[in-house]
Amino acid sequence: MTISATRVRPSLLGRAGALGALAVVVVVGLMHLLEPWSRHDPVRRTISEYAVGPGGWLFDVAVLGLVVATVAVVVALSVRQPVPTAAVVLFGVWCVGLVLVVVFEKTNWSVGPSLSGSIHRYASLAAFFALPAAGLLTVRGHRGEAWARWTTAFSLLALASFLPIIGAIALDPLLTTPWYRAVPLGLIERVLSLAEVLVVVTLGFRAARSVPVERRAPSLR
């Protein structure tokens, strides 16, 4: 998939997307330190809990900002080089999943399961699986390049972050506590989220450093 370079400046768009994604990291990082968000235990409480209660709007804005940043990066990268259609679809799943995470609030377990909470959970799972898969598809054919190695590393870290959760769920019948208490779920989710945002950042800077082939062609006059 490619987009005409005459309509889009990939260097500016890619840089804007990468910096936008980094800004999201900064905002969410500050939420760990500032009231009222810092009341949540970052080791045990999931990151989505920042959206619940006072100040939740800031977390929602950050997530939607990440969606915009991702779209900018994918468009810029598509100008620079062919991006597999399957990867574009998976980037779309990531973006739609994040929007659904904002629209549908996570379950309030003090009340009990809810439809909104179920949609939130499955949308986040789809998004978290889709982005690293998209990253791995995007780097095919570029394995020897530095940006591809970083994208691969962050994508694999994101996928590996699921392993403790999968293991805890599989062993749940043997555990003395619920699976989500047997692992530091909040910490795992934060590592996962950071790795996925860094995939977007890496791809954004890849597009920012590059120019379309036709612009590099020497003049014959």
N, C-alpha and C. Protein backbone atom coordinates (compact mmCIF):
# COMPACT_ATOMS: atom_id res chain seq x y z
N MET A 1 0.86 -1.19 0.00
CA MET A 1 0.00 0.00 0.00
C MET A 1 0.89 1.23 0.00
N THR A 2 0.69 2.16 -0.95
CA THR A 2 1.43 3.41 -0.99
C THR A 2 0.47 4.57 -1.20
N ILE A 3 0.90 5.75 -0.79
CA ILE A 3 0.11 6.97 -0.95
C ILE A 3 0.95 7.98 -1.71
N SER A 4 0.35 8.73 -2.59
CA SER A 4 1.09 9.68 -3.42
C SER A 4 1.88 10.66 -2.57
N ALA A 5 3.17 10.80 -2.89
CA ALA A 5 4.04 11.71 -2.14
C ALA A 5 3.75 13.16 -2.47
N THR A 6 3.01 13.41 -3.55
CA THR A 6 2.69 14.79 -3.90
C THR A 6 1.67 15.38 -2.94
N ARG A 7 0.95 14.55 -2.24
CA ARG A 7 -0.08 15.05 -1.32
C ARG A 7 0.38 15.04 0.14
N VAL A 8 1.40 14.26 0.45
CA VAL A 8 1.80 14.08 1.84
C VAL A 8 3.32 14.26 1.95
N ARG A 9 3.77 14.99 2.95
CA ARG A 9 5.20 15.12 3.24
C ARG A 9 5.53 14.13 4.36
N PRO A 10 6.09 12.98 4.02
CA PRO A 10 6.28 11.93 5.01
C PRO A 10 7.20 12.33 6.15
N SER A 11 8.20 13.17 5.86
CA SER A 11 9.13 13.54 6.93
C SER A 11 8.42 14.30 8.04
N LEU A 12 7.59 15.27 7.67
CA LEU A 12 6.86 16.06 8.68
C LEU A 12 5.80 15.22 9.38
N LEU A 13 5.07 14.44 8.59
CA LEU A 13 3.99 13.64 9.16
C LEU A 13 4.52 12.54 10.06
N GLY A 14 5.60 11.89 9.62
CA GLY A 14 6.20 10.85 10.44
C GLY A 14 6.75 11.39 11.74
N ARG A 15 7.43 12.54 11.65
CA ARG A 15 7.99 13.15 12.86
C ARG A 15 6.87 13.59 13.80
N ALA A 16 5.81 14.15 13.25
CA ALA A 16 4.68 14.57 14.10
C ALA A 16 4.05 13.38 14.80
N GLY A 17 3.90 12.27 14.07
CA GLY A 17 3.33 11.07 14.68
C GLY A 17 4.22 10.51 15.77
N ALA A 18 5.53 10.46 15.51
CA ALA A 18 6.46 9.93 16.50
C ALA A 18 6.48 10.80 17.76
N LEU A 19 6.55 12.12 17.57
CA LEU A 19 6.57 13.03 18.72
C LEU A 19 5.24 13.01 19.46
N GLY A 20 4.14 12.85 18.71
CA GLY A 20 2.83 12.75 19.36
C GLY A 20 2.74 11.52 20.24
N ALA A 21 3.27 10.39 19.75
CA ALA A 21 3.26 9.16 20.55
C ALA A 21 4.14 9.31 21.78
N LEU A 22 5.29 9.97 21.62
CA LEU A 22 6.16 10.21 22.78
C LEU A 22 5.48 11.12 23.80
N ALA A 23 4.71 12.09 23.30
CA ALA A 23 3.98 12.97 24.21
C ALA A 23 2.98 12.18 25.05
N VAL A 24 2.38 11.17 24.45
CA VAL A 24 1.44 10.32 25.19
C VAL A 24 2.18 9.60 26.32
N VAL A 25 3.39 9.11 26.03
CA VAL A 25 4.18 8.44 27.07
C VAL A 25 4.46 9.40 28.22
N VAL A 26 4.81 10.64 27.89
CA VAL A 26 5.10 11.64 28.92
C VAL A 26 3.87 11.93 29.77
N VAL A 27 2.73 12.12 29.10
CA VAL A 27 1.49 12.44 29.83
C VAL A 27 1.11 11.30 30.77
N VAL A 28 1.10 10.08 30.26
CA VAL A 28 0.71 8.94 31.10
C VAL A 28 1.76 8.72 32.19
N GLY A 29 3.03 8.96 31.88
CA GLY A 29 4.06 8.84 32.90
C GLY A 29 3.84 9.82 34.04
N LEU A 30 3.48 11.06 33.71
CA LEU A 30 3.20 12.06 34.74
C LEU A 30 1.98 11.70 35.58
N MET A 31 1.04 11.01 34.97
CA MET A 31 -0.15 10.59 35.72
C MET A 31 0.20 9.63 36.85
N HIS A 32 1.34 8.93 36.71
CA HIS A 32 1.77 8.05 37.79
C HIS A 32 2.26 8.83 39.00
N LEU A 33 2.58 10.11 38.79
CA LEU A 33 3.19 10.90 39.86
C LEU A 33 2.25 11.94 40.45
N LEU A 34 1.21 12.31 39.71
CA LEU A 34 0.36 13.42 40.12
C LEU A 34 -1.00 12.94 40.61
N GLU A 35 -1.57 13.69 41.53
CA GLU A 35 -2.93 13.44 42.01
C GLU A 35 -3.93 13.88 40.95
N PRO A 36 -5.09 13.20 40.83
CA PRO A 36 -5.55 12.07 41.64
C PRO A 36 -5.13 10.71 41.09
N TRP A 37 -4.42 10.70 39.95
CA TRP A 37 -4.10 9.44 39.29
C TRP A 37 -3.10 8.60 40.06
N SER A 38 -2.20 9.24 40.80
CA SER A 38 -1.13 8.51 41.48
C SER A 38 -1.65 7.63 42.61
N ARG A 39 -2.94 7.72 42.91
CA ARG A 39 -3.51 6.86 43.97
C ARG A 39 -3.58 5.41 43.52
N HIS A 40 -3.51 5.18 42.21
CA HIS A 40 -3.59 3.81 41.70
C HIS A 40 -2.23 3.12 41.83
N ASP A 41 -2.24 1.88 42.28
CA ASP A 41 -1.03 1.09 42.40
C ASP A 41 -0.57 0.66 41.00
N PRO A 42 0.58 1.15 40.50
CA PRO A 42 0.99 0.82 39.14
C PRO A 42 1.41 -0.63 38.95
N VAL A 43 1.62 -1.34 40.03
CA VAL A 43 2.01 -2.75 39.93
C VAL A 43 0.80 -3.66 39.81
N ARG A 44 -0.26 -3.33 40.52
CA ARG A 44 -1.43 -4.21 40.56
C ARG A 44 -2.62 -3.69 39.77
N ARG A 45 -2.77 -2.39 39.66
CA ARG A 45 -3.95 -1.81 39.01
C ARG A 45 -3.66 -1.55 37.54
N THR A 46 -4.60 -1.90 36.68
CA THR A 46 -4.40 -1.74 35.25
C THR A 46 -4.38 -0.27 34.86
N ILE A 47 -3.76 0.00 33.73
CA ILE A 47 -3.59 1.37 33.28
C ILE A 47 -4.93 2.03 32.93
N SER A 48 -5.91 1.22 32.54
CA SER A 48 -7.23 1.76 32.19
C SER A 48 -7.93 2.41 33.37
N GLU A 49 -7.49 2.09 34.57
CA GLU A 49 -8.14 2.65 35.75
C GLU A 49 -7.89 4.15 35.88
N TYR A 50 -6.91 4.68 35.15
CA TYR A 50 -6.71 6.12 35.15
C TYR A 50 -7.90 6.84 34.52
N ALA A 51 -8.66 6.11 33.70
CA ALA A 51 -9.81 6.72 33.03
C ALA A 51 -11.04 6.75 33.92
N VAL A 52 -10.98 6.06 35.05
CA VAL A 52 -12.13 5.96 35.94
C VAL A 52 -11.98 6.97 37.07
N GLY A 53 -13.01 7.75 37.28
CA GLY A 53 -12.98 8.72 38.37
C GLY A 53 -12.46 10.07 37.95
N PRO A 54 -12.13 10.92 38.93
CA PRO A 54 -11.69 12.29 38.65
C PRO A 54 -10.45 12.31 37.76
N GLY A 55 -10.44 13.20 36.78
CA GLY A 55 -9.29 13.34 35.91
C GLY A 55 -9.19 12.30 34.82
N GLY A 56 -10.20 11.45 34.71
CA GLY A 56 -10.16 10.39 33.70
C GLY A 56 -10.12 10.91 32.28
N TRP A 57 -10.60 12.14 32.09
CA TRP A 57 -10.63 12.72 30.74
C TRP A 57 -9.23 12.83 30.15
N LEU A 58 -8.21 13.07 30.99
CA LEU A 58 -6.86 13.24 30.47
C LEU A 58 -6.33 11.94 29.87
N PHE A 59 -6.62 10.84 30.52
CA PHE A 59 -6.22 9.54 29.98
C PHE A 59 -6.90 9.28 28.65
N ASP A 60 -8.19 9.59 28.57
CA ASP A 60 -8.92 9.39 27.31
C ASP A 60 -8.32 10.23 26.19
N VAL A 61 -7.98 11.48 26.50
CA VAL A 61 -7.37 12.36 25.49
C VAL A 61 -6.04 11.79 25.03
N ALA A 62 -5.26 11.25 25.97
CA ALA A 62 -3.96 10.67 25.62
C ALA A 62 -4.13 9.47 24.69
N VAL A 63 -5.10 8.62 24.97
CA VAL A 63 -5.32 7.44 24.14
C VAL A 63 -5.77 7.86 22.73
N LEU A 64 -6.68 8.80 22.65
CA LEU A 64 -7.13 9.28 21.34
C LEU A 64 -5.98 9.98 20.61
N GLY A 65 -5.12 10.65 21.35
CA GLY A 65 -3.95 11.26 20.73
C GLY A 65 -3.03 10.21 20.13
N LEU A 66 -2.94 9.06 20.79
CA LEU A 66 -2.13 7.95 20.26
C LEU A 66 -2.73 7.42 18.96
N VAL A 67 -4.06 7.39 18.88
CA VAL A 67 -4.72 6.97 17.65
C VAL A 67 -4.35 7.91 16.50
N VAL A 68 -4.44 9.21 16.75
CA VAL A 68 -4.09 10.21 15.72
C VAL A 68 -2.63 10.06 15.32
N ALA A 69 -1.75 9.86 16.30
CA ALA A 69 -0.33 9.69 16.01
C ALA A 69 -0.08 8.46 15.15
N THR A 70 -0.78 7.37 15.46
CA THR A 70 -0.62 6.14 14.69
C THR A 70 -1.05 6.33 13.25
N VAL A 71 -2.18 6.99 13.04
CA VAL A 71 -2.66 7.24 11.67
C VAL A 71 -1.63 8.06 10.91
N ALA A 72 -1.06 9.08 11.54
CA ALA A 72 -0.05 9.92 10.88
C ALA A 72 1.16 9.09 10.49
N VAL A 73 1.60 8.22 11.38
CA VAL A 73 2.77 7.38 11.11
C VAL A 73 2.50 6.41 9.97
N VAL A 74 1.35 5.77 9.97
CA VAL A 74 1.04 4.79 8.92
C VAL A 74 0.95 5.48 7.55
N VAL A 75 0.32 6.65 7.51
CA VAL A 75 0.22 7.38 6.25
C VAL A 75 1.62 7.78 5.77
N ALA A 76 2.44 8.31 6.67
CA ALA A 76 3.79 8.74 6.30
C ALA A 76 4.62 7.56 5.82
N LEU A 77 4.52 6.44 6.52
CA LEU A 77 5.30 5.27 6.15
C LEU A 77 4.84 4.72 4.80
N SER A 78 3.55 4.81 4.53
CA SER A 78 3.02 4.32 3.26
C SER A 78 3.50 5.15 2.08
N VAL A 79 3.83 6.41 2.33
CA VAL A 79 4.42 7.24 1.28
C VAL A 79 5.85 6.78 1.00
N ARG A 80 6.55 6.46 2.05
CA ARG A 80 7.96 6.10 1.94
C ARG A 80 8.17 4.73 1.28
N GLN A 81 7.36 3.75 1.62
CA GLN A 81 7.59 2.39 1.15
C GLN A 81 6.27 1.64 1.13
N PRO A 82 6.20 0.55 0.34
CA PRO A 82 4.99 -0.27 0.38
C PRO A 82 4.80 -0.89 1.78
N VAL A 83 3.62 -0.76 2.31
CA VAL A 83 3.27 -1.37 3.59
C VAL A 83 2.27 -2.48 3.30
N PRO A 84 2.54 -3.70 3.76
CA PRO A 84 1.61 -4.81 3.47
C PRO A 84 0.18 -4.47 3.88
N THR A 85 -0.75 -4.87 3.02
CA THR A 85 -2.17 -4.60 3.31
C THR A 85 -2.58 -5.18 4.64
N ALA A 86 -2.09 -6.39 4.94
CA ALA A 86 -2.42 -7.02 6.22
C ALA A 86 -1.95 -6.16 7.39
N ALA A 87 -0.78 -5.53 7.24
CA ALA A 87 -0.28 -4.66 8.30
C ALA A 87 -1.16 -3.44 8.47
N VAL A 88 -1.60 -2.86 7.35
CA VAL A 88 -2.48 -1.69 7.41
C VAL A 88 -3.78 -2.06 8.13
N VAL A 89 -4.31 -3.24 7.82
CA VAL A 89 -5.54 -3.70 8.48
C VAL A 89 -5.30 -3.83 9.99
N LEU A 90 -4.17 -4.40 10.36
CA LEU A 90 -3.87 -4.58 11.78
C LEU A 90 -3.65 -3.25 12.49
N PHE A 91 -3.02 -2.29 11.80
CA PHE A 91 -2.92 -0.95 12.37
C PHE A 91 -4.32 -0.37 12.60
N GLY A 92 -5.23 -0.66 11.67
CA GLY A 92 -6.61 -0.21 11.81
C GLY A 92 -7.29 -0.84 13.02
N VAL A 93 -7.02 -2.14 13.23
CA VAL A 93 -7.59 -2.83 14.40
C VAL A 93 -7.07 -2.18 15.68
N TRP A 94 -5.79 -1.86 15.70
CA TRP A 94 -5.20 -1.17 16.85
C TRP A 94 -5.91 0.15 17.13
N CYS A 95 -6.11 0.95 16.09
CA CYS A 95 -6.74 2.27 16.26
C CYS A 95 -8.20 2.14 16.70
N VAL A 96 -8.94 1.26 16.05
CA VAL A 96 -10.35 1.07 16.41
C VAL A 96 -10.45 0.53 17.84
N GLY A 97 -9.56 -0.40 18.17
CA GLY A 97 -9.56 -0.95 19.53
C GLY A 97 -9.34 0.11 20.58
N LEU A 98 -8.40 1.03 20.32
CA LEU A 98 -8.14 2.11 21.28
C LEU A 98 -9.34 3.04 21.42
N VAL A 99 -10.00 3.33 20.30
CA VAL A 99 -11.20 4.18 20.37
C VAL A 99 -12.28 3.49 21.22
N LEU A 100 -12.45 2.20 21.02
CA LEU A 100 -13.46 1.46 21.80
C LEU A 100 -13.09 1.43 23.28
N VAL A 101 -11.80 1.37 23.58
CA VAL A 101 -11.36 1.39 24.98
C VAL A 101 -11.77 2.70 25.65
N VAL A 102 -11.73 3.79 24.89
CA VAL A 102 -12.14 5.09 25.43
C VAL A 102 -13.66 5.17 25.56
N VAL A 103 -14.36 4.70 24.54
CA VAL A 103 -15.83 4.82 24.52
C VAL A 103 -16.46 3.93 25.58
N PHE A 104 -15.94 2.72 25.75
CA PHE A 104 -16.53 1.76 26.69
C PHE A 104 -15.62 1.62 27.91
N GLU A 105 -16.13 2.05 29.04
CA GLU A 105 -15.35 2.06 30.28
C GLU A 105 -15.13 0.65 30.80
N LYS A 106 -13.99 0.45 31.45
CA LYS A 106 -13.69 -0.87 32.02
C LYS A 106 -14.67 -1.24 33.11
N THR A 107 -14.74 -2.51 33.40
CA THR A 107 -15.67 -3.01 34.41
C THR A 107 -15.35 -2.47 35.80
N ASN A 108 -16.36 -2.03 36.49
CA ASN A 108 -16.22 -1.67 37.89
C ASN A 108 -16.53 -2.93 38.71
N TRP A 109 -15.49 -3.61 39.17
CA TRP A 109 -15.69 -4.91 39.81
C TRP A 109 -16.35 -4.80 41.17
N SER A 110 -16.46 -3.60 41.72
CA SER A 110 -17.21 -3.44 42.97
C SER A 110 -18.71 -3.57 42.71
N VAL A 111 -19.09 -3.40 41.43
CA VAL A 111 -20.50 -3.53 41.04
C VAL A 111 -20.75 -4.89 40.38
N GLY A 112 -19.81 -5.29 39.50
CA GLY A 112 -19.95 -6.57 38.83
C GLY A 112 -19.74 -6.43 37.33
N PRO A 113 -19.75 -7.55 36.61
CA PRO A 113 -19.51 -7.53 35.16
C PRO A 113 -20.52 -6.64 34.44
N SER A 114 -20.08 -6.09 33.31
CA SER A 114 -20.95 -5.24 32.51
C SER A 114 -20.62 -5.42 31.04
N LEU A 115 -21.60 -5.08 30.17
CA LEU A 115 -21.37 -5.15 28.73
C LEU A 115 -20.25 -4.20 28.32
N SER A 116 -20.28 -2.99 28.87
CA SER A 116 -19.24 -2.00 28.57
C SER A 116 -17.86 -2.55 28.92
N GLY A 117 -17.77 -3.16 30.09
CA GLY A 117 -16.49 -3.72 30.52
C GLY A 117 -16.00 -4.84 29.63
N SER A 118 -16.92 -5.67 29.15
CA SER A 118 -16.54 -6.77 28.25
C SER A 118 -16.02 -6.24 26.93
N ILE A 119 -16.71 -5.24 26.37
CA ILE A 119 -16.25 -4.63 25.12
C ILE A 119 -14.88 -4.00 25.32
N HIS A 120 -14.71 -3.31 26.43
CA HIS A 120 -13.43 -2.69 26.76
C HIS A 120 -12.32 -3.74 26.79
N ARG A 121 -12.57 -4.85 27.44
CA ARG A 121 -11.55 -5.89 27.59
C ARG A 121 -11.16 -6.49 26.25
N TYR A 122 -12.15 -6.87 25.45
CA TYR A 122 -11.84 -7.54 24.18
C TYR A 122 -11.26 -6.55 23.16
N ALA A 123 -11.68 -5.30 23.22
CA ALA A 123 -11.11 -4.29 22.33
C ALA A 123 -9.64 -4.06 22.66
N SER A 124 -9.32 -4.02 23.94
CA SER A 124 -7.93 -3.82 24.33
C SER A 124 -7.07 -5.01 23.94
N LEU A 125 -7.59 -6.22 24.10
CA LEU A 125 -6.85 -7.42 23.70
C LEU A 125 -6.58 -7.42 22.20
N ALA A 126 -7.61 -7.09 21.42
CA ALA A 126 -7.45 -7.04 19.96
C ALA A 126 -6.40 -6.01 19.58
N ALA A 127 -6.46 -4.84 20.22
CA ALA A 127 -5.50 -3.77 19.91
C ALA A 127 -4.08 -4.19 20.28
N PHE A 128 -3.91 -4.77 21.47
CA PHE A 128 -2.58 -5.12 21.94
C PHE A 128 -1.93 -6.23 21.12
N PHE A 129 -2.74 -7.13 20.57
CA PHE A 129 -2.19 -8.17 19.69
C PHE A 129 -1.94 -7.63 18.28
N ALA A 130 -2.80 -6.74 17.83
CA ALA A 130 -2.73 -6.28 16.44
C ALA A 130 -1.49 -5.44 16.15
N LEU A 131 -1.14 -4.53 17.06
CA LEU A 131 -0.04 -3.61 16.75
C LEU A 131 1.31 -4.32 16.58
N PRO A 132 1.73 -5.18 17.52
CA PRO A 132 3.01 -5.85 17.28
C PRO A 132 3.00 -6.74 16.04
N ALA A 133 1.86 -7.35 15.76
CA ALA A 133 1.76 -8.14 14.53
C ALA A 133 1.94 -7.25 13.30
N ALA A 134 1.33 -6.06 13.33
CA ALA A 134 1.49 -5.10 12.23
C ALA A 134 2.95 -4.67 12.11
N GLY A 135 3.61 -4.44 13.24
CA GLY A 135 5.00 -4.05 13.21
C GLY A 135 5.89 -5.10 12.58
N LEU A 136 5.66 -6.37 12.93
CA LEU A 136 6.46 -7.46 12.38
C LEU A 136 6.23 -7.62 10.88
N LEU A 137 5.00 -7.41 10.45
CA LEU A 137 4.72 -7.49 9.01
C LEU A 137 5.37 -6.33 8.26
N THR A 138 5.40 -5.17 8.88
CA THR A 138 5.95 -3.98 8.22
C THR A 138 7.45 -4.10 7.96
N VAL A 139 8.16 -4.77 8.86
CA VAL A 139 9.62 -4.83 8.71
C VAL A 139 10.07 -5.94 7.78
N ARG A 140 9.16 -6.74 7.27
CA ARG A 140 9.56 -7.80 6.34
C ARG A 140 10.27 -7.20 5.13
N GLY A 141 11.42 -7.77 4.79
CA GLY A 141 12.19 -7.23 3.69
C GLY A 141 13.17 -6.15 4.11
N HIS A 142 13.16 -5.78 5.40
CA HIS A 142 14.06 -4.72 5.88
C HIS A 142 14.83 -5.20 7.12
N ARG A 143 15.03 -6.49 7.24
CA ARG A 143 15.57 -7.06 8.47
C ARG A 143 16.93 -6.50 8.86
N GLY A 144 17.74 -6.12 7.88
CA GLY A 144 19.08 -5.66 8.19
C GLY A 144 19.16 -4.21 8.61
N GLU A 145 18.07 -3.48 8.54
CA GLU A 145 18.08 -2.05 8.86
C GLU A 145 17.81 -1.83 10.35
N ALA A 146 18.42 -0.78 10.89
CA ALA A 146 18.33 -0.52 12.33
C ALA A 146 16.89 -0.33 12.78
N TRP A 147 16.12 0.46 12.02
CA TRP A 147 14.74 0.72 12.43
C TRP A 147 13.92 -0.57 12.47
N ALA A 148 14.23 -1.49 11.56
CA ALA A 148 13.51 -2.76 11.53
C ALA A 148 13.87 -3.62 12.74
N ARG A 149 15.14 -3.57 13.14
CA ARG A 149 15.55 -4.34 14.32
C ARG A 149 14.87 -3.81 15.58
N TRP A 150 14.81 -2.47 15.71
CA TRP A 150 14.14 -1.90 16.88
C TRP A 150 12.64 -2.20 16.87
N THR A 151 12.03 -2.09 15.70
CA THR A 151 10.60 -2.39 15.60
C THR A 151 10.34 -3.84 15.97
N THR A 152 11.19 -4.74 15.48
CA THR A 152 11.05 -6.16 15.81
C THR A 152 11.21 -6.40 17.31
N ALA A 153 12.23 -5.75 17.90
CA ALA A 153 12.47 -5.95 19.34
C ALA A 153 11.29 -5.47 20.18
N PHE A 154 10.77 -4.29 19.87
CA PHE A 154 9.63 -3.77 20.65
C PHE A 154 8.37 -4.62 20.41
N SER A 155 8.18 -5.08 19.19
CA SER A 155 7.01 -5.92 18.88
C SER A 155 7.08 -7.24 19.64
N LEU A 156 8.26 -7.86 19.65
CA LEU A 156 8.42 -9.13 20.36
C LEU A 156 8.29 -8.95 21.87
N LEU A 157 8.79 -7.81 22.39
CA LEU A 157 8.63 -7.53 23.82
C LEU A 157 7.15 -7.41 24.16
N ALA A 158 6.39 -6.74 23.29
CA ALA A 158 4.95 -6.59 23.54
C ALA A 158 4.27 -7.97 23.57
N LEU A 159 4.59 -8.80 22.59
CA LEU A 159 3.97 -10.13 22.55
C LEU A 159 4.42 -10.99 23.72
N ALA A 160 5.69 -10.88 24.10
CA ALA A 160 6.20 -11.66 25.23
C ALA A 160 5.54 -11.25 26.54
N SER A 161 5.08 -10.00 26.62
CA SER A 161 4.43 -9.52 27.85
C SER A 161 3.15 -10.28 28.15
N PHE A 162 2.59 -10.91 27.13
CA PHE A 162 1.38 -11.69 27.35
C PHE A 162 1.66 -13.04 28.03
N LEU A 163 2.90 -13.52 27.96
CA LEU A 163 3.18 -14.87 28.43
C LEU A 163 2.88 -15.07 29.92
N PRO A 164 3.27 -14.16 30.82
CA PRO A 164 2.91 -14.38 32.23
C PRO A 164 1.40 -14.41 32.45
N ILE A 165 0.67 -13.59 31.69
CA ILE A 165 -0.79 -13.57 31.84
C ILE A 165 -1.39 -14.88 31.35
N ILE A 166 -0.93 -15.35 30.19
CA ILE A 166 -1.42 -16.61 29.65
C ILE A 166 -1.10 -17.76 30.60
N GLY A 167 0.13 -17.73 31.16
CA GLY A 167 0.51 -18.78 32.10
C GLY A 167 -0.34 -18.77 33.35
N ALA A 168 -0.63 -17.57 33.87
CA ALA A 168 -1.45 -17.47 35.08
C ALA A 168 -2.88 -17.95 34.82
N ILE A 169 -3.42 -17.62 33.65
CA ILE A 169 -4.77 -18.07 33.31
C ILE A 169 -4.80 -19.59 33.19
N ALA A 170 -3.77 -20.16 32.56
CA ALA A 170 -3.72 -21.62 32.39
C ALA A 170 -3.59 -22.34 33.73
N LEU A 171 -2.89 -21.73 34.67
CA LEU A 171 -2.68 -22.36 35.97
C LEU A 171 -3.72 -21.96 37.00
N ASP A 172 -4.69 -21.16 36.59
CA ASP A 172 -5.68 -20.63 37.53
C ASP A 172 -6.33 -21.69 38.42
N PRO A 173 -6.70 -22.87 37.87
CA PRO A 173 -7.32 -23.89 38.74
C PRO A 173 -6.40 -24.35 39.87
N LEU A 174 -5.08 -24.19 39.69
CA LEU A 174 -4.12 -24.67 40.68
C LEU A 174 -3.68 -23.58 41.65
N LEU A 175 -4.05 -22.34 41.35
CA LEU A 175 -3.59 -21.22 42.16
C LEU A 175 -4.49 -21.01 43.38
N THR A 176 -3.91 -20.45 44.42
CA THR A 176 -4.68 -20.17 45.63
C THR A 176 -5.33 -18.78 45.57
N THR A 177 -4.94 -17.99 44.59
CA THR A 177 -5.52 -16.66 44.38
C THR A 177 -5.97 -16.55 42.93
N PRO A 178 -6.88 -15.64 42.60
CA PRO A 178 -7.28 -15.45 41.21
C PRO A 178 -6.06 -15.13 40.34
N TRP A 179 -6.11 -15.53 39.07
CA TRP A 179 -4.95 -15.37 38.19
C TRP A 179 -4.48 -13.93 38.09
N TYR A 180 -5.44 -12.97 38.11
CA TYR A 180 -5.05 -11.57 37.95
C TYR A 180 -4.38 -11.01 39.19
N ARG A 181 -4.40 -11.75 40.29
CA ARG A 181 -3.65 -11.36 41.47
C ARG A 181 -2.36 -12.15 41.60
N ALA A 182 -2.24 -13.21 40.82
CA ALA A 182 -1.03 -14.05 40.88
C ALA A 182 0.13 -13.42 40.13
N VAL A 183 -0.16 -12.46 39.29
CA VAL A 183 0.89 -11.76 38.53
C VAL A 183 0.75 -10.26 38.77
N PRO A 184 1.84 -9.51 38.61
CA PRO A 184 1.74 -8.04 38.74
C PRO A 184 1.09 -7.46 37.48
N LEU A 185 -0.21 -7.59 37.38
CA LEU A 185 -0.93 -7.28 36.14
C LEU A 185 -0.71 -5.84 35.68
N GLY A 186 -0.74 -4.90 36.62
CA GLY A 186 -0.55 -3.51 36.24
C GLY A 186 0.83 -3.26 35.64
N LEU A 187 1.86 -3.84 36.26
CA LEU A 187 3.22 -3.66 35.76
C LEU A 187 3.37 -4.28 34.38
N ILE A 188 2.83 -5.49 34.20
CA ILE A 188 2.91 -6.17 32.91
C ILE A 188 2.23 -5.33 31.83
N GLU A 189 1.05 -4.80 32.14
CA GLU A 189 0.32 -4.01 31.16
C GLU A 189 1.08 -2.73 30.80
N ARG A 190 1.77 -2.16 31.76
CA ARG A 190 2.53 -0.94 31.48
C ARG A 190 3.74 -1.23 30.58
N VAL A 191 4.41 -2.34 30.83
CA VAL A 191 5.52 -2.74 29.95
C VAL A 191 4.99 -2.99 28.54
N LEU A 192 3.87 -3.70 28.46
CA LEU A 192 3.23 -3.99 27.17
C LEU A 192 2.87 -2.70 26.44
N SER A 193 2.23 -1.79 27.14
CA SER A 193 1.79 -0.53 26.52
C SER A 193 2.97 0.30 26.05
N LEU A 194 4.02 0.37 26.87
CA LEU A 194 5.21 1.15 26.48
C LEU A 194 5.86 0.56 25.24
N ALA A 195 5.98 -0.77 25.20
CA ALA A 195 6.58 -1.42 24.03
C ALA A 195 5.78 -1.13 22.77
N GLU A 196 4.46 -1.12 22.89
CA GLU A 196 3.63 -0.89 21.70
C GLU A 196 3.72 0.56 21.24
N VAL A 197 3.76 1.49 22.16
CA VAL A 197 3.91 2.89 21.76
C VAL A 197 5.27 3.10 21.10
N LEU A 198 6.29 2.42 21.58
CA LEU A 198 7.62 2.56 20.99
C LEU A 198 7.68 1.98 19.58
N VAL A 199 6.82 1.01 19.28
CA VAL A 199 6.71 0.53 17.89
C VAL A 199 6.25 1.69 17.00
N VAL A 200 5.23 2.40 17.44
CA VAL A 200 4.72 3.55 16.68
C VAL A 200 5.79 4.62 16.54
N VAL A 201 6.51 4.91 17.63
CA VAL A 201 7.56 5.92 17.60
C VAL A 201 8.65 5.55 16.60
N THR A 202 9.10 4.30 16.66
CA THR A 202 10.17 3.85 15.76
C THR A 202 9.76 3.96 14.30
N LEU A 203 8.56 3.52 14.00
CA LEU A 203 8.08 3.62 12.62
C LEU A 203 7.91 5.07 12.19
N GLY A 204 7.51 5.92 13.11
CA GLY A 204 7.36 7.34 12.79
C GLY A 204 8.69 7.99 12.43
N PHE A 205 9.72 7.71 13.22
CA PHE A 205 11.03 8.27 12.91
C PHE A 205 11.63 7.65 11.65
N ARG A 206 11.25 6.41 11.37
CA ARG A 206 11.67 5.80 10.11
C ARG A 206 11.13 6.61 8.93
N ALA A 207 9.85 6.92 8.97
CA ALA A 207 9.25 7.72 7.90
C ALA A 207 9.83 9.13 7.87
N ALA A 208 10.14 9.67 9.03
CA ALA A 208 10.65 11.05 9.10
C ALA A 208 12.04 11.17 8.51
N ARG A 209 12.82 10.12 8.60
CA ARG A 209 14.20 10.18 8.09
C ARG A 209 14.28 9.93 6.60
N SER A 210 13.19 9.53 5.99
CA SER A 210 13.22 9.09 4.60
C SER A 210 12.48 10.05 3.70
N VAL A 211 12.82 10.00 2.42
CA VAL A 211 12.09 10.75 1.41
C VAL A 211 11.74 9.80 0.30
N PRO A 212 10.65 10.04 -0.44
CA PRO A 212 10.25 9.16 -1.52
C PRO A 212 11.34 9.03 -2.58
N VAL A 213 11.39 7.87 -3.20
CA VAL A 213 12.43 7.58 -4.18
C VAL A 213 12.44 8.61 -5.29
N GLU A 214 11.24 9.02 -5.77
CA GLU A 214 11.21 9.94 -6.90
C GLU A 214 11.82 11.29 -6.59
N ARG A 215 11.85 11.69 -5.32
CA ARG A 215 12.44 12.97 -4.96
C ARG A 215 13.96 12.89 -4.90
N ARG A 216 14.50 11.66 -4.79
CA ARG A 216 15.93 11.49 -4.72
C ARG A 216 16.55 11.28 -6.10
N ALA A 217 15.72 11.10 -7.10
CA ALA A 217 16.25 10.85 -8.44
C ALA A 217 16.95 12.09 -8.97
N PRO A 218 18.20 11.96 -9.49
CA PRO A 218 18.92 13.13 -9.99
C PRO A 218 18.28 13.68 -11.25
N SER A 219 18.39 14.98 -11.44
CA SER A 219 17.85 15.63 -12.63
C SER A 219 18.71 15.30 -13.84
N LEU A 220 18.08 15.10 -14.99
CA LEU A 220 18.79 14.80 -16.24
C LEU A 220 19.07 16.05 -17.03
N ARG A 221 18.57 17.19 -16.56
CA ARG A 221 18.80 18.42 -17.30
C ARG A 221 20.11 19.08 -16.94
